[in-house]
């Protein structure tokens, strides 16, 4: 009986949990991309290479 209750609770909340997790990964990937672009622009400016246009 406890297993059935646990599975029902899991199924009710699983969609929301996955959606939250997906949003977290997208935000994290965006932050990493922004940091990498800033770092690349900084390195390019230090060595005198013009930045690329996105």
N, C-alpha and C. Protein backbone atom coordinates (compact mmCIF):
# COMPACT_ATOMS: atom_id res chain seq x y z
N UNK A 1 0.82 -1.20 0.00
CA UNK A 1 0.00 0.00 0.00
C UNK A 1 0.87 1.26 0.00
N UNK A 2 1.92 1.26 0.78
CA UNK A 2 2.80 2.42 0.83
C UNK A 2 3.45 2.67 -0.52
N UNK A 3 3.80 1.59 -1.22
CA UNK A 3 4.40 1.74 -2.56
C UNK A 3 3.43 2.40 -3.52
N UNK A 4 2.16 2.02 -3.43
CA UNK A 4 1.16 2.60 -4.32
C UNK A 4 0.99 4.09 -4.03
N UNK A 5 0.96 4.47 -2.78
CA UNK A 5 0.82 5.89 -2.41
C UNK A 5 2.04 6.66 -2.89
N UNK A 6 3.22 6.08 -2.70
CA UNK A 6 4.45 6.75 -3.14
C UNK A 6 4.45 6.96 -4.66
N UNK A 7 4.05 5.94 -5.40
CA UNK A 7 4.03 6.04 -6.87
C UNK A 7 3.00 7.08 -7.33
N UNK A 8 1.86 7.13 -6.70
CA UNK A 8 0.85 8.14 -7.07
C UNK A 8 1.37 9.55 -6.80
N UNK A 9 2.01 9.73 -5.66
CA UNK A 9 2.57 11.03 -5.32
C UNK A 9 3.67 11.41 -6.31
N UNK A 10 4.52 10.45 -6.65
CA UNK A 10 5.59 10.68 -7.61
C UNK A 10 5.01 11.09 -8.97
N UNK A 11 4.01 10.37 -9.44
CA UNK A 11 3.42 10.67 -10.74
C UNK A 11 2.75 12.03 -10.77
N UNK A 12 2.16 12.45 -9.66
CA UNK A 12 1.51 13.76 -9.61
C UNK A 12 2.53 14.89 -9.70
N UNK A 13 3.68 14.73 -9.06
CA UNK A 13 4.65 15.82 -9.01
C UNK A 13 5.77 15.72 -10.02
N UNK A 14 5.84 14.60 -10.75
CA UNK A 14 6.98 14.37 -11.64
C UNK A 14 7.06 15.38 -12.79
N UNK A 15 5.96 15.71 -13.40
CA UNK A 15 5.96 16.66 -14.52
C UNK A 15 6.49 18.02 -14.08
N UNK A 16 6.01 18.51 -12.97
CA UNK A 16 6.48 19.80 -12.46
C UNK A 16 7.95 19.77 -12.10
N UNK A 17 8.39 18.66 -11.50
CA UNK A 17 9.79 18.51 -11.15
C UNK A 17 10.67 18.54 -12.39
N UNK A 18 10.27 17.80 -13.42
CA UNK A 18 11.06 17.77 -14.67
C UNK A 18 11.08 19.14 -15.35
N UNK A 19 9.96 19.84 -15.32
CA UNK A 19 9.92 21.18 -15.91
C UNK A 19 10.86 22.13 -15.17
N UNK A 20 10.86 22.06 -13.85
CA UNK A 20 11.75 22.90 -13.05
C UNK A 20 13.21 22.56 -13.34
N UNK A 21 13.51 21.28 -13.44
CA UNK A 21 14.87 20.83 -13.71
C UNK A 21 15.32 21.29 -15.10
N UNK A 22 14.44 21.20 -16.08
CA UNK A 22 14.77 21.67 -17.44
C UNK A 22 15.07 23.17 -17.44
N UNK A 23 14.24 23.96 -16.74
CA UNK A 23 14.48 25.40 -16.67
C UNK A 23 15.82 25.70 -16.01
N UNK A 24 16.16 24.93 -15.00
CA UNK A 24 17.43 25.12 -14.30
C UNK A 24 18.60 24.84 -15.24
N UNK A 25 18.54 23.75 -16.00
CA UNK A 25 19.62 23.42 -16.93
C UNK A 25 19.75 24.45 -18.04
N UNK A 26 18.62 24.96 -18.53
CA UNK A 26 18.66 25.98 -19.58
C UNK A 26 19.30 27.26 -19.04
N UNK A 27 18.93 27.65 -17.82
CA UNK A 27 19.52 28.85 -17.22
C UNK A 27 21.01 28.66 -16.99
N UNK A 28 21.40 27.49 -16.53
CA UNK A 28 22.81 27.21 -16.30
C UNK A 28 23.61 27.23 -17.60
N UNK A 29 23.06 26.63 -18.65
CA UNK A 29 23.74 26.64 -19.95
C UNK A 29 23.86 28.06 -20.48
N UNK A 30 22.84 28.88 -20.31
CA UNK A 30 22.90 30.27 -20.75
C UNK A 30 23.97 31.05 -19.99
N UNK A 31 24.06 30.82 -18.69
CA UNK A 31 25.07 31.52 -17.89
C UNK A 31 26.48 31.11 -18.32
N UNK A 32 26.68 29.83 -18.56
CA UNK A 32 28.00 29.35 -19.00
C UNK A 32 28.35 29.95 -20.36
N UNK A 33 27.39 30.02 -21.26
CA UNK A 33 27.62 30.60 -22.58
C UNK A 33 28.01 32.07 -22.47
N UNK A 34 27.30 32.82 -21.62
CA UNK A 34 27.62 34.24 -21.45
C UNK A 34 29.02 34.44 -20.89
N UNK A 35 29.39 33.62 -19.91
CA UNK A 35 30.73 33.73 -19.33
C UNK A 35 31.80 33.41 -20.37
N UNK A 36 31.56 32.37 -21.15
CA UNK A 36 32.54 31.99 -22.18
C UNK A 36 32.68 33.09 -23.23
N UNK A 37 31.58 33.72 -23.61
CA UNK A 37 31.66 34.80 -24.61
C UNK A 37 32.42 36.01 -24.06
N UNK A 38 32.14 36.34 -22.79
CA UNK A 38 32.86 37.47 -22.18
C UNK A 38 34.35 37.17 -22.07
N UNK A 39 34.67 35.96 -21.67
CA UNK A 39 36.08 35.58 -21.53
C UNK A 39 36.76 35.61 -22.91
N UNK A 40 36.09 35.10 -23.92
CA UNK A 40 36.66 35.11 -25.27
C UNK A 40 36.87 36.54 -25.75
N UNK A 41 35.90 37.42 -25.51
CA UNK A 41 36.03 38.81 -25.93
C UNK A 41 37.18 39.48 -25.19
N UNK A 42 37.34 39.17 -23.92
CA UNK A 42 38.42 39.75 -23.14
C UNK A 42 39.78 39.29 -23.68
N UNK A 43 39.90 38.01 -23.96
CA UNK A 43 41.17 37.48 -24.49
C UNK A 43 41.45 38.08 -25.86
N UNK A 44 40.44 38.18 -26.71
CA UNK A 44 40.63 38.75 -28.04
C UNK A 44 41.08 40.20 -27.95
N UNK A 45 40.49 40.96 -27.04
CA UNK A 45 40.88 42.37 -26.93
C UNK A 45 42.31 42.51 -26.40
N UNK A 46 42.73 41.63 -25.54
CA UNK A 46 44.09 41.70 -24.98
C UNK A 46 45.15 41.39 -26.03
N UNK A 47 44.83 40.51 -26.97
CA UNK A 47 45.83 40.15 -27.97
C UNK A 47 45.66 40.93 -29.28
N UNK A 48 44.65 41.80 -29.32
CA UNK A 48 44.47 42.67 -30.47
C UNK A 48 43.72 42.07 -31.64
N UNK A 49 42.98 41.01 -31.40
CA UNK A 49 42.17 40.38 -32.46
C UNK A 49 40.78 40.97 -32.38
N UNK A 50 40.24 41.45 -33.52
CA UNK A 50 38.90 42.01 -33.47
C UNK A 50 37.88 40.94 -33.07
N UNK A 51 36.85 41.38 -32.35
CA UNK A 51 35.79 40.45 -31.93
C UNK A 51 34.94 40.01 -33.09
N UNK A 52 34.36 38.86 -32.96
CA UNK A 52 33.49 38.38 -34.03
C UNK A 52 32.07 38.91 -33.81
N UNK A 53 31.37 39.08 -34.88
CA UNK A 53 30.02 39.62 -34.83
C UNK A 53 29.03 38.48 -34.80
N UNK A 54 28.17 38.49 -33.79
CA UNK A 54 27.19 37.41 -33.64
C UNK A 54 25.86 37.85 -34.14
